[in-house]
């Protein structure tokens, strides 16, 4: 993955909070993506955040808001892929979702706090794929660079939620699926060992608290 794409992917989990005024063509899916904007802007522009404890508190509050905009269960299942998902027992699936989404939060929120440089997000269109799926199209403007980013959203239980992000043709879900499939393709590896591997990546973050 090119560094430009990777850097944008690392901050995009939070950039939906920084939307510009919606285009006239905006539909219900785009409106739903806008939902966490106001609270997110207020948190990330808080000039009173100076200490490590304050940054951790800010990160927790951002993730609380952001996690409501994403279908974390579906993201987890798609990140594994149907074949690998079937290998997991119901208990392993629940544990994987918990660990994987906590890892996402730790990874991306830290990047959001440290790498946001006044990028502008322009909502430029909405493609209706079906009654329950749509693609919210945006452009991330970083100085003189424009990067097309698509948010894939699904309608379920009366809400539109993001289940994948595509940056210049590179998808968040597919990126993780490749990593997980490579790990699980080894004979000695199991769903349990993948969960243990992800837990190990959480430990350094936990030790800081």
C-alpha atoms as a PDB file:
ATOM      1  CA  UNK A   1       0.000   0.000   0.000  1.00  0.00           C
ATOM      2  CA  UNK A   2       1.408   3.373  -0.980  1.00  0.00           C
ATOM      3  CA  UNK A   3       2.264   5.642   1.952  1.00  0.00           C
ATOM      4  CA  UNK A   4      -0.132   8.336   0.728  1.00  0.00           C
ATOM      5  CA  UNK A   5      -2.989   5.834   0.740  1.00  0.00           C
ATOM      6  CA  UNK A   6      -1.939   4.310   4.050  1.00  0.00           C
ATOM      7  CA  UNK A   7      -1.676   7.662   5.781  1.00  0.00           C
ATOM      8  CA  UNK A   8      -5.119   8.677   4.569  1.00  0.00           C
ATOM      9  CA  UNK A   9      -6.589   5.317   5.510  1.00  0.00           C
ATOM     10  CA  UNK A  10      -5.182   5.694   9.012  1.00  0.00           C
ATOM     11  CA  UNK A  11      -6.965   8.994   9.584  1.00  0.00           C
ATOM     12  CA  UNK A  12     -10.131   8.365   7.591  1.00  0.00           C
ATOM     13  CA  UNK A  13     -11.856   6.488  10.391  1.00  0.00           C
ATOM     14  CA  UNK A  14     -12.193   9.897  11.995  1.00  0.00           C
ATOM     15  CA  UNK A  15     -12.362  12.257   9.062  1.00  0.00           C
ATOM     16  CA  UNK A  16     -16.095  11.734   8.634  1.00  0.00           C
ATOM     17  CA  UNK A  17     -16.286  14.146  11.526  1.00  0.00           C
ATOM     18  CA  UNK A  18     -14.840  16.968   9.417  1.00  0.00           C
ATOM     19  CA  UNK A  19     -17.300  17.209   6.564  1.00  0.00           C
ATOM     20  CA  UNK A  20     -17.820  20.336   4.554  1.00  0.00           C
ATOM     21  CA  UNK A  21     -21.403  21.495   3.949  1.00  0.00           C
ATOM     22  CA  UNK A  22     -23.215  18.725   2.128  1.00  0.00           C
ATOM     23  CA  UNK A  23     -23.794  18.985  -1.582  1.00  0.00           C
ATOM     24  CA  UNK A  24     -27.301  19.549  -2.863  1.00  0.00           C
ATOM     25  CA  UNK A  25     -27.372  15.981  -4.209  1.00  0.00           C
ATOM     26  CA  UNK A  26     -26.871  14.532  -0.715  1.00  0.00           C
ATOM     27  CA  UNK A  27     -29.281  11.737   0.149  1.00  0.00           C
ATOM     28  CA  UNK A  28     -30.127   9.927   3.397  1.00  0.00           C
ATOM     29  CA  UNK A  29     -26.913   7.881   3.424  1.00  0.00           C
ATOM     30  CA  UNK A  30     -24.773  11.003   3.187  1.00  0.00           C
ATOM     31  CA  UNK A  31     -26.849  12.701   5.849  1.00  0.00           C
ATOM     32  CA  UNK A  32     -26.168   9.740   8.143  1.00  0.00           C
ATOM     33  CA  UNK A  33     -22.415  10.037   7.623  1.00  0.00           C
ATOM     34  CA  UNK A  34     -22.705  13.629   8.803  1.00  0.00           C
ATOM     35  CA  UNK A  35     -24.270  12.549  12.094  1.00  0.00           C
ATOM     36  CA  UNK A  36     -21.120  12.602  14.308  1.00  0.00           C
ATOM     37  CA  UNK A  37     -19.630  15.758  12.763  1.00  0.00           C
ATOM     38  CA  UNK A  38     -20.598  18.374  15.344  1.00  0.00           C
ATOM     39  CA  UNK A  39     -19.501  16.452  18.426  1.00  0.00           C
ATOM     40  CA  UNK A  40     -16.305  15.279  16.710  1.00  0.00           C
ATOM     41  CA  UNK A  41     -15.254  18.775  15.698  1.00  0.00           C
ATOM     42  CA  UNK A  42     -15.840  20.092  19.201  1.00  0.00           C
ATOM     43  CA  UNK A  43     -13.699  17.331  20.718  1.00  0.00           C
ATOM     44  CA  UNK A  44     -10.781  17.504  18.300  1.00  0.00           C
ATOM     45  CA  UNK A  45     -10.581  21.285  18.418  1.00  0.00           C
ATOM     46  CA  UNK A  46     -10.540  21.351  22.204  1.00  0.00           C
ATOM     47  CA  UNK A  47      -7.528  23.517  23.023  1.00  0.00           C
ATOM     48  CA  UNK A  48      -7.635  22.398  26.662  1.00  0.00           C
ATOM     49  CA  UNK A  49      -6.335  18.931  25.759  1.00  0.00           C
ATOM     50  CA  UNK A  50      -2.671  19.063  26.763  1.00  0.00           C
ATOM     51  CA  UNK A  51      -1.738  16.164  29.055  1.00  0.00           C
ATOM     52  CA  UNK A  52      -1.536  12.463  28.229  1.00  0.00           C
ATOM     53  CA  UNK A  53      -4.516  11.759  30.464  1.00  0.00           C
ATOM     54  CA  UNK A  54      -6.554  14.401  28.649  1.00  0.00           C
ATOM     55  CA  UNK A  55      -5.562  12.956  25.273  1.00  0.00           C
ATOM     56  CA  UNK A  56      -6.584   9.471  26.368  1.00  0.00           C
ATOM     57  CA  UNK A  57      -9.908  10.806  27.614  1.00  0.00           C
ATOM     58  CA  UNK A  58     -10.384  12.649  24.334  1.00  0.00           C
ATOM     59  CA  UNK A  59      -9.543   9.478  22.382  1.00  0.00           C
ATOM     60  CA  UNK A  60     -12.093   7.470  24.357  1.00  0.00           C
ATOM     61  CA  UNK A  61     -14.799  10.050  23.713  1.00  0.00           C
ATOM     62  CA  UNK A  62     -13.972  10.247  20.001  1.00  0.00           C
ATOM     63  CA  UNK A  63     -14.106   6.467  19.672  1.00  0.00           C
ATOM     64  CA  UNK A  64     -17.432   6.382  21.510  1.00  0.00           C
ATOM     65  CA  UNK A  65     -18.867   8.756  18.916  1.00  0.00           C
ATOM     66  CA  UNK A  66     -17.135   7.208  15.929  1.00  0.00           C
ATOM     67  CA  UNK A  67     -17.990   3.612  16.743  1.00  0.00           C
ATOM     68  CA  UNK A  68     -21.677   4.501  16.501  1.00  0.00           C
ATOM     69  CA  UNK A  69     -21.205   5.483  12.847  1.00  0.00           C
ATOM     70  CA  UNK A  70     -19.674   2.137  11.841  1.00  0.00           C
ATOM     71  CA  UNK A  71     -21.128  -1.375  11.641  1.00  0.00           C
ATOM     72  CA  UNK A  72     -18.281  -2.927  13.589  1.00  0.00           C
ATOM     73  CA  UNK A  73     -19.726  -6.448  13.540  1.00  0.00           C
ATOM     74  CA  UNK A  74     -20.014  -6.426   9.748  1.00  0.00           C
ATOM     75  CA  UNK A  75     -16.564  -4.875   9.345  1.00  0.00           C
ATOM     76  CA  UNK A  76     -15.122  -7.653  11.510  1.00  0.00           C
ATOM     77  CA  UNK A  77     -16.870 -10.397   9.542  1.00  0.00           C
ATOM     78  CA  UNK A  78     -15.836  -8.941   6.185  1.00  0.00           C
ATOM     79  CA  UNK A  79     -12.268  -8.451   7.389  1.00  0.00           C
ATOM     80  CA  UNK A  80     -12.044 -12.193   8.021  1.00  0.00           C
ATOM     81  CA  UNK A  81     -13.921 -13.216   4.876  1.00  0.00           C
ATOM     82  CA  UNK A  82     -16.698 -15.810   4.750  1.00  0.00           C
ATOM     83  CA  UNK A  83     -14.385 -18.837   4.697  1.00  0.00           C
ATOM     84  CA  UNK A  84     -12.400 -17.771   7.745  1.00  0.00           C
ATOM     85  CA  UNK A  85     -15.513 -16.478   9.525  1.00  0.00           C
ATOM     86  CA  UNK A  86     -17.043 -19.970   9.338  1.00  0.00           C
ATOM     87  CA  UNK A  87     -14.023 -21.403  11.151  1.00  0.00           C
ATOM     88  CA  UNK A  88     -14.783 -19.292  14.204  1.00  0.00           C
ATOM     89  CA  UNK A  89     -17.200 -20.568  16.846  1.00  0.00           C
ATOM     90  CA  UNK A  90     -19.883 -18.132  18.070  1.00  0.00           C
ATOM     91  CA  UNK A  91     -17.774 -17.428  21.162  1.00  0.00           C
ATOM     92  CA  UNK A  92     -14.639 -16.858  19.052  1.00  0.00           C
ATOM     93  CA  UNK A  93     -16.549 -14.526  16.747  1.00  0.00           C
ATOM     94  CA  UNK A  94     -17.726 -12.421  19.669  1.00  0.00           C
ATOM     95  CA  UNK A  95     -14.215 -12.264  21.108  1.00  0.00           C
ATOM     96  CA  UNK A  96     -12.689 -11.439  17.715  1.00  0.00           C
ATOM     97  CA  UNK A  97     -15.147  -8.584  17.168  1.00  0.00           C
ATOM     98  CA  UNK A  98     -14.340  -7.157  20.602  1.00  0.00           C
ATOM     99  CA  UNK A  99     -10.557  -7.415  20.216  1.00  0.00           C
ATOM    100  CA  UNK A 100     -10.409  -6.329  16.580  1.00  0.00           C
ATOM    101  CA  UNK A 101     -12.602  -3.269  17.076  1.00  0.00           C
ATOM    102  CA  UNK A 102     -10.644  -2.211  20.170  1.00  0.00           C
ATOM    103  CA  UNK A 103      -7.474  -2.506  18.103  1.00  0.00           C
ATOM    104  CA  UNK A 104      -9.033  -0.358  15.378  1.00  0.00           C
ATOM    105  CA  UNK A 105      -9.938   2.239  17.960  1.00  0.00           C
ATOM    106  CA  UNK A 106      -6.467   2.305  19.496  1.00  0.00           C
ATOM    107  CA  UNK A 107      -4.746   2.474  16.118  1.00  0.00           C
ATOM    108  CA  UNK A 108      -6.876   4.988  14.265  1.00  0.00           C
ATOM    109  CA  UNK A 109      -7.799   7.394  17.040  1.00  0.00           C
ATOM    110  CA  UNK A 110      -4.121   7.889  17.876  1.00  0.00           C
ATOM    111  CA  UNK A 111      -3.514   8.681  14.206  1.00  0.00           C
ATOM    112  CA  UNK A 112      -6.459  11.045  14.103  1.00  0.00           C
ATOM    113  CA  UNK A 113      -5.123  12.989  17.071  1.00  0.00           C
ATOM    114  CA  UNK A 114      -1.562  13.121  15.747  1.00  0.00           C
ATOM    115  CA  UNK A 115      -1.896  13.396  11.973  1.00  0.00           C
ATOM    116  CA  UNK A 116      -4.886  15.587  11.253  1.00  0.00           C
ATOM    117  CA  UNK A 117      -3.543  18.637   9.419  1.00  0.00           C
ATOM    118  CA  UNK A 118      -6.596  20.681   8.494  1.00  0.00           C
ATOM    119  CA  UNK A 119      -7.656  18.309   5.739  1.00  0.00           C
ATOM    120  CA  UNK A 120     -10.979  19.235   4.184  1.00  0.00           C
ATOM    121  CA  UNK A 121     -13.608  16.636   3.344  1.00  0.00           C
ATOM    122  CA  UNK A 122     -15.938  17.437   0.463  1.00  0.00           C
ATOM    123  CA  UNK A 123     -19.071  15.345   0.014  1.00  0.00           C
ATOM    124  CA  UNK A 124     -19.438  15.092  -3.761  1.00  0.00           C
ATOM    125  CA  UNK A 125     -22.080  12.459  -4.382  1.00  0.00           C
ATOM    126  CA  UNK A 126     -24.066   9.453  -3.334  1.00  0.00           C
ATOM    127  CA  UNK A 127     -24.467   6.257  -5.361  1.00  0.00           C
ATOM    128  CA  UNK A 128     -27.449   4.103  -4.455  1.00  0.00           C
ATOM    129  CA  UNK A 129     -26.396   0.482  -4.921  1.00  0.00           C
ATOM    130  CA  UNK A 130     -29.625  -1.094  -3.640  1.00  0.00           C
ATOM    131  CA  UNK A 131     -32.393  -0.369  -1.165  1.00  0.00           C
ATOM    132  CA  UNK A 132     -30.023  -1.177   1.681  1.00  0.00           C
ATOM    133  CA  UNK A 133     -26.615  -0.211   0.327  1.00  0.00           C
ATOM    134  CA  UNK A 134     -25.047   2.994  -0.925  1.00  0.00           C
ATOM    135  CA  UNK A 135     -21.691   4.640  -1.491  1.00  0.00           C
ATOM    136  CA  UNK A 136     -21.026   8.104  -0.100  1.00  0.00           C
ATOM    137  CA  UNK A 137     -18.384   9.723  -2.298  1.00  0.00           C
ATOM    138  CA  UNK A 138     -15.987  12.266  -0.880  1.00  0.00           C
ATOM    139  CA  UNK A 139     -12.756  14.023  -1.726  1.00  0.00           C
ATOM    140  CA  UNK A 140     -10.094  14.570   0.912  1.00  0.00           C
ATOM    141  CA  UNK A 141      -8.209  17.808   0.266  1.00  0.00           C
ATOM    142  CA  UNK A 142      -4.744  17.998   1.800  1.00  0.00           C
ATOM    143  CA  UNK A 143      -3.049  21.203   0.679  1.00  0.00           C
ATOM    144  CA  UNK A 144      -2.878  20.827  -3.126  1.00  0.00           C
ATOM    145  CA  UNK A 145      -3.657  17.089  -3.145  1.00  0.00           C
ATOM    146  CA  UNK A 146      -7.138  15.686  -3.728  1.00  0.00           C
ATOM    147  CA  UNK A 147      -7.775  12.071  -2.794  1.00  0.00           C
ATOM    148  CA  UNK A 148     -11.056  10.320  -3.709  1.00  0.00           C
ATOM    149  CA  UNK A 149     -12.520   8.357  -0.821  1.00  0.00           C
ATOM    150  CA  UNK A 150     -15.687   6.274  -0.841  1.00  0.00           C
ATOM    151  CA  UNK A 151     -17.611   5.274   2.265  1.00  0.00           C
ATOM    152  CA  UNK A 152     -19.658   2.118   1.774  1.00  0.00           C
ATOM    153  CA  UNK A 153     -22.767   2.195   3.929  1.00  0.00           C
ATOM    154  CA  UNK A 154     -25.546  -0.266   4.722  1.00  0.00           C
ATOM    155  CA  UNK A 155     -29.066   0.364   5.986  1.00  0.00           C
ATOM    156  CA  UNK A 156     -30.033  -1.881   8.883  1.00  0.00           C
ATOM    157  CA  UNK A 157     -32.471  -1.493  11.762  1.00  0.00           C
ATOM    158  CA  UNK A 158     -33.437   1.970  10.596  1.00  0.00           C
ATOM    159  CA  UNK A 159     -29.880   3.351  10.330  1.00  0.00           C
ATOM    160  CA  UNK A 160     -27.193   3.845   7.703  1.00  0.00           C
ATOM    161  CA  UNK A 161     -23.779   2.719   8.934  1.00  0.00           C
ATOM    162  CA  UNK A 162     -20.320   2.582   7.350  1.00  0.00           C
ATOM    163  CA  UNK A 163     -18.956  -0.910   6.695  1.00  0.00           C
ATOM    164  CA  UNK A 164     -15.941  -0.157   4.508  1.00  0.00           C
ATOM    165  CA  UNK A 165     -13.751   2.724   3.343  1.00  0.00           C
ATOM    166  CA  UNK A 166     -12.087   2.794  -0.053  1.00  0.00           C
ATOM    167  CA  UNK A 167      -9.129   5.121  -0.643  1.00  0.00           C
ATOM    168  CA  UNK A 168      -7.873   5.375  -4.229  1.00  0.00           C
ATOM    169  CA  UNK A 169      -9.095   1.853  -4.901  1.00  0.00           C
ATOM    170  CA  UNK A 170      -7.699   0.374  -1.674  1.00  0.00           C
ATOM    171  CA  UNK A 171     -10.284  -0.906   0.799  1.00  0.00           C
ATOM    172  CA  UNK A 172      -9.936  -1.050   4.574  1.00  0.00           C
ATOM    173  CA  UNK A 173     -11.713  -4.420   4.744  1.00  0.00           C
ATOM    174  CA  UNK A 174      -9.709  -6.027   1.949  1.00  0.00           C
ATOM    175  CA  UNK A 175      -6.438  -4.820   3.465  1.00  0.00           C
ATOM    176  CA  UNK A 176      -7.186  -6.589   6.753  1.00  0.00           C
ATOM    177  CA  UNK A 177      -8.635  -9.663   5.038  1.00  0.00           C
ATOM    178  CA  UNK A 178      -5.365 -10.244   3.227  1.00  0.00           C
ATOM    179  CA  UNK A 179      -3.443 -10.030   6.487  1.00  0.00           C
ATOM    180  CA  UNK A 180      -5.801 -12.361   8.352  1.00  0.00           C
ATOM    181  CA  UNK A 181      -6.017 -14.897   5.526  1.00  0.00           C
ATOM    182  CA  UNK A 182      -2.229 -15.026   5.319  1.00  0.00           C
ATOM    183  CA  UNK A 183      -2.040 -15.645   9.062  1.00  0.00           C
ATOM    184  CA  UNK A 184      -4.753 -18.316   9.108  1.00  0.00           C
ATOM    185  CA  UNK A 185      -3.388 -20.101   6.028  1.00  0.00           C
ATOM    186  CA  UNK A 186      -0.538 -21.464   8.139  1.00  0.00           C
ATOM    187  CA  UNK A 187      -1.275 -24.974   9.384  1.00  0.00           C
ATOM    188  CA  UNK A 188      -0.452 -24.247  12.989  1.00  0.00           C
ATOM    189  CA  UNK A 189      -2.631 -21.145  13.231  1.00  0.00           C
ATOM    190  CA  UNK A 190      -6.215 -21.200  14.491  1.00  0.00           C
ATOM    191  CA  UNK A 191      -8.955 -18.652  15.187  1.00  0.00           C
ATOM    192  CA  UNK A 192      -7.782 -18.670  18.792  1.00  0.00           C
ATOM    193  CA  UNK A 193      -4.196 -17.916  17.862  1.00  0.00           C
ATOM    194  CA  UNK A 194      -5.297 -14.993  15.667  1.00  0.00           C
ATOM    195  CA  UNK A 195      -7.253 -13.558  18.580  1.00  0.00           C
ATOM    196  CA  UNK A 196      -4.211 -14.003  20.812  1.00  0.00           C
ATOM    197  CA  UNK A 197      -2.057 -12.241  18.208  1.00  0.00           C
ATOM    198  CA  UNK A 198      -4.422  -9.258  18.156  1.00  0.00           C
ATOM    199  CA  UNK A 199      -4.573  -9.161  21.946  1.00  0.00           C
ATOM    200  CA  UNK A 200      -0.787  -8.932  21.966  1.00  0.00           C
ATOM    201  CA  UNK A 201      -1.010  -5.799  19.859  1.00  0.00           C
ATOM    202  CA  UNK A 202      -3.330  -4.271  22.430  1.00  0.00           C
ATOM    203  CA  UNK A 203      -0.976  -4.891  25.346  1.00  0.00           C
ATOM    204  CA  UNK A 204       1.462  -1.996  24.727  1.00  0.00           C
ATOM    205  CA  UNK A 205      -1.491   0.380  24.565  1.00  0.00           C
ATOM    206  CA  UNK A 206      -2.951  -1.074  27.747  1.00  0.00           C
ATOM    207  CA  UNK A 207       0.351  -0.701  29.584  1.00  0.00           C
ATOM    208  CA  UNK A 208       0.318   3.041  28.948  1.00  0.00           C
ATOM    209  CA  UNK A 209      -2.917   3.484  30.846  1.00  0.00           C
END
